[in-house]
Structure formats: C-alpha cells, structure tokens
Amino acid sequence: MSDKKSILIINQSAPYGSNKARESLDVALTCAIFEMPVSLLFIGDGVLQLLNGQQPEALQTKKHEAMLTALPMYDIDCLYVTSSDLKQHGLQSEDLAVPVKIVEQKQIASLIQQHDTVLTY
C-alpha cells in the first residue's frame, strides 16, 4: 500500500469566469508531480470544463483542453463525471475532450470515502 495520500478534486465550476477551474488542474498536476494518486470528479457546471473544442480566445484566456489532455502524462487517469450532469447539460461522453468514467450520483459518497483528501473548486 502506498504511503502517499490520495486526492479527489471535485470540479463544480464552469471553465471560464473565475480561476477555479485552472487552479484545480494546477493542484492536480502539482500533487501528481509528488506521486500522489489524484482523481478528478466533474459535477454541475464543472462538466463544461471537459468540453471538446472550446474557443475561449474571445475571453482572452487559455483552453483547458491542453491541460486536460496532459493529465495522463502525470498518471492522472481517473476522471469521473455523473451521468445526470452530462444529461442536464445535453452532453454525451463523445462531446468531451478526454475519456471519463461515468458514475451515478449515488456513487459520489463512495468515491469521496475512497480518498484521503477531498478538495472542491
């Protein structure tokens, strides 16, 4: 068993309009550099962070897609999204920039319990 603390980062903020989405990815990458197991859960408007083909140039900001596609290089491959949040936003897994594991709302509590530390953005 690893002596590294596992981290679950819950993303519930839209990708643009605040720094929360960018900060959550920065924290995930930083934890991964120190070989901490990191999982990401996208709920509510956080699901929008995963959209493929975003064009935030009008907002003079960078795409999240580049950071998302880099996650596997840091051994971050546990990305979760709830089926109800996908449905609420009219999305399917094919609309997302990265592969995700789709979970049901009732599985979130178990997912949280499986991790030592939970951060919410």
N, C-alpha and C. Protein backbone atom coordinates (compact mmCIF):
# COMPACT_ATOMS: atom_id res chain seq x y z
N MET A 1 0.84 -1.19 0.00
CA MET A 1 0.00 0.00 0.00
C MET A 1 0.89 1.25 0.00
N SER A 2 0.49 2.20 -0.76
CA SER A 2 1.25 3.44 -0.89
C SER A 2 1.09 4.29 0.36
N ASP A 3 2.19 4.96 0.74
CA ASP A 3 2.12 5.87 1.89
C ASP A 3 1.71 7.27 1.44
N LYS A 4 1.49 7.46 0.16
CA LYS A 4 1.05 8.75 -0.37
C LYS A 4 -0.46 8.89 -0.18
N LYS A 5 -0.87 10.07 0.22
CA LYS A 5 -2.30 10.35 0.41
C LYS A 5 -2.98 10.51 -0.94
N SER A 6 -4.13 9.87 -1.09
CA SER A 6 -4.88 10.01 -2.34
C SER A 6 -5.74 11.27 -2.27
N ILE A 7 -5.87 11.91 -3.42
CA ILE A 7 -6.56 13.19 -3.52
C ILE A 7 -7.72 13.06 -4.51
N LEU A 8 -8.88 13.54 -4.11
CA LEU A 8 -10.01 13.68 -5.01
C LEU A 8 -10.29 15.17 -5.15
N ILE A 9 -10.26 15.65 -6.38
CA ILE A 9 -10.55 17.05 -6.64
C ILE A 9 -11.91 17.12 -7.32
N ILE A 10 -12.84 17.80 -6.65
CA ILE A 10 -14.19 17.95 -7.19
C ILE A 10 -14.28 19.29 -7.89
N ASN A 11 -14.58 19.23 -9.17
CA ASN A 11 -14.70 20.43 -10.01
C ASN A 11 -16.18 20.71 -10.24
N GLN A 12 -16.66 21.82 -9.71
CA GLN A 12 -18.07 22.15 -9.89
C GLN A 12 -18.27 23.53 -10.51
N SER A 13 -17.17 24.14 -10.96
CA SER A 13 -17.23 25.48 -11.54
C SER A 13 -17.09 25.42 -13.05
N ALA A 14 -17.76 26.34 -13.72
CA ALA A 14 -17.63 26.47 -15.17
C ALA A 14 -16.17 26.76 -15.52
N PRO A 15 -15.76 26.44 -16.74
CA PRO A 15 -14.35 26.59 -17.09
C PRO A 15 -13.84 28.02 -17.14
N TYR A 16 -14.72 28.97 -17.37
CA TYR A 16 -14.28 30.35 -17.52
C TYR A 16 -15.14 31.24 -16.65
N GLY A 17 -14.64 32.41 -16.33
CA GLY A 17 -15.36 33.35 -15.47
C GLY A 17 -14.75 33.45 -14.09
N SER A 18 -13.93 32.46 -13.73
CA SER A 18 -13.16 32.50 -12.48
C SER A 18 -11.91 31.65 -12.69
N ASN A 19 -11.03 31.68 -11.71
CA ASN A 19 -9.79 30.91 -11.79
C ASN A 19 -9.92 29.50 -11.22
N LYS A 20 -11.09 29.15 -10.72
CA LYS A 20 -11.25 27.86 -10.02
C LYS A 20 -10.89 26.66 -10.89
N ALA A 21 -11.33 26.65 -12.11
CA ALA A 21 -11.05 25.50 -12.98
C ALA A 21 -9.55 25.36 -13.22
N ARG A 22 -8.91 26.44 -13.53
CA ARG A 22 -7.46 26.42 -13.78
C ARG A 22 -6.70 26.02 -12.51
N GLU A 23 -7.12 26.57 -11.38
CA GLU A 23 -6.46 26.25 -10.11
C GLU A 23 -6.60 24.77 -9.77
N SER A 24 -7.75 24.19 -10.03
CA SER A 24 -7.94 22.78 -9.71
C SER A 24 -7.01 21.91 -10.54
N LEU A 25 -6.82 22.25 -11.80
CA LEU A 25 -5.90 21.48 -12.64
C LEU A 25 -4.45 21.69 -12.21
N ASP A 26 -4.11 22.90 -11.80
CA ASP A 26 -2.77 23.17 -11.28
C ASP A 26 -2.49 22.33 -10.03
N VAL A 27 -3.47 22.26 -9.14
CA VAL A 27 -3.31 21.46 -7.92
C VAL A 27 -3.17 19.99 -8.27
N ALA A 28 -3.98 19.51 -9.20
CA ALA A 28 -3.91 18.10 -9.61
C ALA A 28 -2.52 17.77 -10.15
N LEU A 29 -2.00 18.61 -11.01
CA LEU A 29 -0.68 18.36 -11.58
C LEU A 29 0.42 18.44 -10.53
N THR A 30 0.29 19.39 -9.62
CA THR A 30 1.28 19.52 -8.55
C THR A 30 1.29 18.28 -7.66
N CYS A 31 0.13 17.80 -7.29
CA CYS A 31 0.04 16.59 -6.46
C CYS A 31 0.63 15.39 -7.20
N ALA A 32 0.34 15.30 -8.48
CA ALA A 32 0.84 14.18 -9.28
C ALA A 32 2.36 14.20 -9.39
N ILE A 33 2.94 15.40 -9.47
CA ILE A 33 4.40 15.51 -9.52
C ILE A 33 5.04 14.88 -8.28
N PHE A 34 4.34 14.99 -7.16
CA PHE A 34 4.83 14.40 -5.91
C PHE A 34 4.30 12.98 -5.73
N GLU A 35 3.87 12.37 -6.85
CA GLU A 35 3.44 10.97 -6.91
C GLU A 35 2.26 10.66 -6.01
N MET A 36 1.40 11.63 -5.77
CA MET A 36 0.18 11.40 -5.02
C MET A 36 -0.89 10.92 -6.01
N PRO A 37 -1.63 9.88 -5.67
CA PRO A 37 -2.71 9.44 -6.55
C PRO A 37 -3.81 10.50 -6.60
N VAL A 38 -4.14 10.95 -7.80
CA VAL A 38 -5.12 12.03 -7.98
C VAL A 38 -6.27 11.54 -8.84
N SER A 39 -7.48 11.85 -8.40
CA SER A 39 -8.69 11.61 -9.19
C SER A 39 -9.42 12.93 -9.31
N LEU A 40 -10.14 13.11 -10.40
CA LEU A 40 -10.92 14.32 -10.62
C LEU A 40 -12.38 13.94 -10.84
N LEU A 41 -13.26 14.65 -10.17
CA LEU A 41 -14.71 14.46 -10.33
C LEU A 41 -15.29 15.77 -10.83
N PHE A 42 -15.99 15.71 -11.94
CA PHE A 42 -16.61 16.90 -12.53
C PHE A 42 -18.12 16.80 -12.34
N ILE A 43 -18.68 17.78 -11.62
CA ILE A 43 -20.12 17.79 -11.36
C ILE A 43 -20.69 19.17 -11.68
N GLY A 44 -21.99 19.23 -11.85
CA GLY A 44 -22.64 20.51 -12.13
C GLY A 44 -22.02 21.17 -13.34
N ASP A 45 -21.78 22.48 -13.25
CA ASP A 45 -21.16 23.22 -14.35
C ASP A 45 -19.71 22.83 -14.59
N GLY A 46 -19.12 22.10 -13.65
CA GLY A 46 -17.75 21.62 -13.84
C GLY A 46 -17.62 20.70 -15.04
N VAL A 47 -18.71 20.04 -15.43
CA VAL A 47 -18.71 19.18 -16.61
C VAL A 47 -18.31 19.97 -17.85
N LEU A 48 -18.64 21.24 -17.88
CA LEU A 48 -18.34 22.07 -19.04
C LEU A 48 -16.84 22.26 -19.25
N GLN A 49 -16.05 22.02 -18.20
CA GLN A 49 -14.59 22.09 -18.34
C GLN A 49 -14.07 21.04 -19.32
N LEU A 50 -14.82 19.97 -19.48
CA LEU A 50 -14.39 18.83 -20.27
C LEU A 50 -14.75 18.92 -21.75
N LEU A 51 -15.52 19.93 -22.12
CA LEU A 51 -15.99 20.04 -23.50
C LEU A 51 -14.86 20.10 -24.50
N ASN A 52 -15.03 19.38 -25.56
CA ASN A 52 -14.08 19.36 -26.66
C ASN A 52 -14.27 20.61 -27.52
N GLY A 53 -13.18 21.16 -28.05
CA GLY A 53 -13.27 22.25 -29.00
C GLY A 53 -13.68 23.59 -28.43
N GLN A 54 -13.32 23.88 -27.21
CA GLN A 54 -13.66 25.18 -26.62
C GLN A 54 -12.87 26.27 -27.32
N GLN A 55 -13.47 27.46 -27.38
CA GLN A 55 -12.83 28.60 -28.03
C GLN A 55 -12.86 29.82 -27.11
N PRO A 56 -12.03 29.84 -26.08
CA PRO A 56 -12.06 30.92 -25.09
C PRO A 56 -11.25 32.15 -25.48
N GLU A 57 -10.78 32.20 -26.72
CA GLU A 57 -9.93 33.32 -27.13
C GLU A 57 -10.64 34.66 -26.96
N ALA A 58 -11.95 34.68 -27.17
CA ALA A 58 -12.71 35.93 -27.02
C ALA A 58 -12.64 36.45 -25.59
N LEU A 59 -12.43 35.54 -24.65
CA LEU A 59 -12.30 35.91 -23.24
C LEU A 59 -10.84 36.17 -22.87
N GLN A 60 -9.97 36.07 -23.84
CA GLN A 60 -8.54 36.26 -23.65
C GLN A 60 -7.98 35.34 -22.57
N THR A 61 -8.33 34.08 -22.69
CA THR A 61 -7.84 33.08 -21.75
C THR A 61 -7.45 31.82 -22.52
N LYS A 62 -6.75 30.93 -21.86
CA LYS A 62 -6.27 29.70 -22.50
C LYS A 62 -7.30 28.58 -22.36
N LYS A 63 -7.23 27.65 -23.30
CA LYS A 63 -8.10 26.48 -23.28
C LYS A 63 -7.70 25.54 -22.15
N HIS A 64 -8.68 24.89 -21.58
CA HIS A 64 -8.41 23.86 -20.57
C HIS A 64 -8.04 22.54 -21.24
N GLU A 65 -8.43 22.42 -22.48
CA GLU A 65 -8.24 21.17 -23.19
C GLU A 65 -6.79 20.70 -23.20
N ALA A 66 -5.85 21.63 -23.38
CA ALA A 66 -4.43 21.26 -23.40
C ALA A 66 -4.00 20.65 -22.07
N MET A 67 -4.43 21.26 -20.98
CA MET A 67 -4.07 20.72 -19.66
C MET A 67 -4.77 19.38 -19.42
N LEU A 68 -6.01 19.27 -19.84
CA LEU A 68 -6.74 18.02 -19.65
C LEU A 68 -6.09 16.87 -20.40
N THR A 69 -5.67 17.12 -21.63
CA THR A 69 -5.06 16.05 -22.41
C THR A 69 -3.67 15.68 -21.89
N ALA A 70 -3.07 16.55 -21.08
CA ALA A 70 -1.76 16.25 -20.48
C ALA A 70 -1.88 15.41 -19.21
N LEU A 71 -3.06 15.29 -18.64
CA LEU A 71 -3.22 14.58 -17.37
C LEU A 71 -2.66 13.16 -17.39
N PRO A 72 -2.87 12.36 -18.44
CA PRO A 72 -2.31 11.00 -18.43
C PRO A 72 -0.79 10.97 -18.33
N MET A 73 -0.10 12.00 -18.82
CA MET A 73 1.36 12.04 -18.71
C MET A 73 1.79 12.15 -17.25
N TYR A 74 0.88 12.61 -16.40
CA TYR A 74 1.15 12.74 -14.97
C TYR A 74 0.48 11.61 -14.17
N ASP A 75 0.09 10.57 -14.88
CA ASP A 75 -0.58 9.41 -14.28
C ASP A 75 -1.92 9.77 -13.64
N ILE A 76 -2.57 10.79 -14.15
CA ILE A 76 -3.91 11.13 -13.70
C ILE A 76 -4.87 10.61 -14.76
N ASP A 77 -5.44 9.45 -14.49
CA ASP A 77 -6.34 8.87 -15.47
C ASP A 77 -7.71 8.50 -14.89
N CYS A 78 -7.96 8.91 -13.66
CA CYS A 78 -9.26 8.68 -13.05
C CYS A 78 -10.06 9.98 -13.07
N LEU A 79 -10.77 10.18 -14.16
CA LEU A 79 -11.64 11.34 -14.31
C LEU A 79 -13.08 10.83 -14.30
N TYR A 80 -13.87 11.40 -13.42
CA TYR A 80 -15.25 10.96 -13.25
C TYR A 80 -16.21 12.09 -13.57
N VAL A 81 -17.36 11.71 -14.08
CA VAL A 81 -18.45 12.65 -14.32
C VAL A 81 -19.75 11.89 -14.07
N THR A 82 -20.75 12.59 -13.54
CA THR A 82 -22.01 11.91 -13.28
C THR A 82 -22.88 11.90 -14.54
N SER A 83 -23.59 10.81 -14.71
CA SER A 83 -24.46 10.70 -15.88
C SER A 83 -25.55 11.76 -15.84
N SER A 84 -26.02 12.10 -14.64
CA SER A 84 -27.08 13.11 -14.54
C SER A 84 -26.59 14.50 -14.95
N ASP A 85 -25.33 14.83 -14.64
CA ASP A 85 -24.79 16.12 -15.04
C ASP A 85 -24.54 16.18 -16.55
N LEU A 86 -24.11 15.07 -17.12
CA LEU A 86 -23.98 15.03 -18.58
C LEU A 86 -25.33 15.27 -19.23
N LYS A 87 -26.32 14.56 -18.72
CA LYS A 87 -27.67 14.67 -19.28
C LYS A 87 -28.23 16.09 -19.10
N GLN A 88 -28.01 16.66 -17.93
CA GLN A 88 -28.51 18.01 -17.65
C GLN A 88 -27.94 19.03 -18.63
N HIS A 89 -26.70 18.84 -19.07
CA HIS A 89 -26.06 19.77 -19.99
C HIS A 89 -26.20 19.32 -21.45
N GLY A 90 -26.97 18.25 -21.68
CA GLY A 90 -27.20 17.77 -23.04
C GLY A 90 -25.95 17.20 -23.69
N LEU A 91 -25.10 16.57 -22.89
CA LEU A 91 -23.81 16.07 -23.38
C LEU A 91 -23.74 14.56 -23.33
N GLN A 92 -22.85 14.03 -24.16
CA GLN A 92 -22.50 12.62 -24.13
C GLN A 92 -20.99 12.52 -24.00
N SER A 93 -20.50 11.36 -23.66
CA SER A 93 -19.06 11.21 -23.46
C SER A 93 -18.27 11.57 -24.73
N GLU A 94 -18.86 11.42 -25.90
CA GLU A 94 -18.20 11.77 -27.16
C GLU A 94 -17.96 13.27 -27.29
N ASP A 95 -18.68 14.08 -26.53
CA ASP A 95 -18.54 15.54 -26.58
C ASP A 95 -17.36 16.04 -25.74
N LEU A 96 -16.72 15.13 -25.01
CA LEU A 96 -15.69 15.52 -24.07
C LEU A 96 -14.29 15.36 -24.66
N ALA A 97 -13.37 16.19 -24.21
CA ALA A 97 -12.01 16.22 -24.74
C ALA A 97 -11.16 15.05 -24.26
N VAL A 98 -11.55 14.42 -23.17
CA VAL A 98 -10.78 13.33 -22.59
C VAL A 98 -11.71 12.19 -22.17
N PRO A 99 -11.19 10.98 -22.09
CA PRO A 99 -12.01 9.86 -21.62
C PRO A 99 -12.36 10.03 -20.14
N VAL A 100 -13.58 9.70 -19.79
CA VAL A 100 -14.04 9.80 -18.40
C VAL A 100 -14.74 8.51 -18.00
N LYS A 101 -14.85 8.34 -16.71
CA LYS A 101 -15.64 7.24 -16.16
C LYS A 101 -16.97 7.86 -15.71
N ILE A 102 -18.05 7.34 -16.22
CA ILE A 102 -19.36 7.88 -15.87
C ILE A 102 -19.88 7.14 -14.65
N VAL A 103 -20.25 7.92 -13.64
CA VAL A 103 -20.78 7.37 -12.39
C VAL A 103 -22.18 7.93 -12.15
N GLU A 104 -22.90 7.26 -11.28
CA GLU A 104 -24.22 7.73 -10.87
C GLU A 104 -24.06 8.64 -9.65
N GLN A 105 -25.00 9.51 -9.46
CA GLN A 105 -24.98 10.45 -8.34
C GLN A 105 -24.80 9.73 -7.00
N LYS A 106 -25.44 8.59 -6.85
CA LYS A 106 -25.36 7.85 -5.58
C LYS A 106 -23.97 7.27 -5.31
N GLN A 107 -23.10 7.24 -6.31
CA GLN A 107 -21.75 6.70 -6.14
C GLN A 107 -20.75 7.75 -5.64
N ILE A 108 -21.16 9.00 -5.61
CA ILE A 108 -20.24 10.07 -5.22
C ILE A 108 -19.76 9.90 -3.78
N ALA A 109 -20.65 9.56 -2.86
CA ALA A 109 -20.25 9.39 -1.46
C ALA A 109 -19.18 8.31 -1.33
N SER A 110 -19.33 7.22 -2.04
CA SER A 110 -18.35 6.15 -2.01
C SER A 110 -17.02 6.61 -2.60
N LEU A 111 -17.09 7.36 -3.68
CA LEU A 111 -15.89 7.90 -4.31
C LEU A 111 -15.13 8.80 -3.35
N ILE A 112 -15.85 9.63 -2.64
CA ILE A 112 -15.23 10.53 -1.65
C ILE A 112 -14.56 9.71 -0.54
N GLN A 113 -15.23 8.68 -0.06
CA GLN A 113 -14.69 7.86 1.03
C GLN A 113 -13.44 7.09 0.62
N GLN A 114 -13.24 6.87 -0.67
CA GLN A 114 -12.08 6.13 -1.15
C GLN A 114 -10.81 6.97 -1.16
N HIS A 115 -10.93 8.25 -0.89
CA HIS A 115 -9.78 9.15 -0.95
C HIS A 115 -9.47 9.74 0.42
N ASP A 116 -8.19 10.00 0.66
CA ASP A 116 -7.76 10.57 1.94
C ASP A 116 -8.10 12.05 2.07
N THR A 117 -8.00 12.77 0.96
CA THR A 117 -8.23 14.22 0.96
C THR A 117 -9.15 14.57 -0.19
N VAL A 118 -10.10 15.46 0.08
CA VAL A 118 -11.03 15.94 -0.94
C VAL A 118 -10.95 17.46 -1.00
N LEU A 119 -10.72 17.97 -2.21
CA LEU A 119 -10.68 19.42 -2.44
C LEU A 119 -11.80 19.76 -3.41
N THR A 120 -12.46 20.88 -3.18
CA THR A 120 -13.56 21.30 -4.03
C THR A 120 -13.28 22.66 -4.63
N TYR A 121 -13.49 22.76 -5.93
CA TYR A 121 -13.30 24.02 -6.65
C TYR A 121 -14.57 24.37 -7.39
